Amino acid sequence: MHRHHRAAALTAAVLTGTLLAAGCSSSSGGKKSEEGGGAAAAGKANTPRMTVAMVTHASPGDTFWDLIRKGAQAAAAKDNIKLVYSSDPSAGNQANLVQNAIDQKVDGIALTAAKPQAMKDVVAKAKAAGIPVVGFNSGVGDWKELGMLEYFGQDENIAGQAFGERLNELGAKHALCVIQEQGQVALESRCAGLKKGFSGKTDILYVNGTDMPSVKSTITAKLSQDSSIDQVVTLGAPIALTAVQSVGDAGSKAKVATFDLNKDLVKAVQDGKVEFAVDQQPYLQGYLAVDALWLYKTNGNFSGGGTAPVLTGPAFITKDNVDAVAEFAAKGTR
């Protein structure tokens, strides 16, 4: 009994530490913010303080990145890491943020390579400065060539194929794959994988993900123009929720399924408005990327042995299993 109480108290303390860490964030959008420093979680590392820069291609207001960040903050709190987060959707600006981190002589850098070529020079500079770089979320096909230490994320092409195979099982015949940022490798790979795995017809539709009214009207127009489309595939939760409205506006019979989820999307799956979601577990990506740099610094470890990525997805979330995910989504961590 005593042992049980102690375990429960430890769990509570860990949760409290994680929640505290998740609370101390500030705005990003190209600016730096320091986080994860204040929380003393149970089982906290007593290794020397180190600084990790996390630099992503997040667009302001995209809820997906909140999950990445919360995972990163939880690992930072546990590992005695000062986490400095910055982001910019422009590849050139993101590269400049990585250069800033190098100039500040951080102990490690975790970055997303949505536009891999834009990261090539700064990753080389980080390595020359003796700063280890890990990749996560975007760039699964390029991290080794760029010279990164390890990679955490899902193989988007394989995830797309699995998505297409599921659509075959559901009897879909004509899919519309909606890409919210042209040229972004992870998004393009998803639709390419979908085309490969799906035996029906696939159309690609480009929309501007930073302008939701435009996303809604563009999808509505396409569905109104082609009534044979019976499946809308979106590549982000906010786009999926907007697509549900577009289907209604167009009077279309198309179903909606998506990559990625958030709290509202989980509810949409529970309500049957969205058929299913593919979860790449962004919280896990953020957590593992930061924790990996601590492990490398303190024990020379690198996951995947420098040759294989660590896959965090695809995990399919359907009406059958969504309730198990919902409690974590409600806390903002899934």
Foldseek 3Di string as FASTA:
>chain_A
DVVVVVVVVLVVQLVVLLVVQLPPWDDAALHKTKTLQPGQGPQADPDDEFEEEEEELDDPPALLVSQLVSLLSSLCNRHNYTYIYHYHNDLLSSCVVLVVVVVVVGQEYEYEPQPVVSNLVSLVVCVVSVHAYEYEDHQQVNCLVSPHQAYEWAQLLCVLLVVQQVVVVVPFAEEEEEAQDPSRVSSVSNQNSNCVNHPHHYHYHYHNPVDLVRLLVSLLVVCLVDQSHAEYEYEGAVSQVSNLVSCVNSVHNHAYEYEYDALVSLVCQLVVNHFKYFYQQSSVRSNCRNNQSSCCVPPVDHPPRSPHHHGSDRDIGHNVHSVVCNVVRVVVND
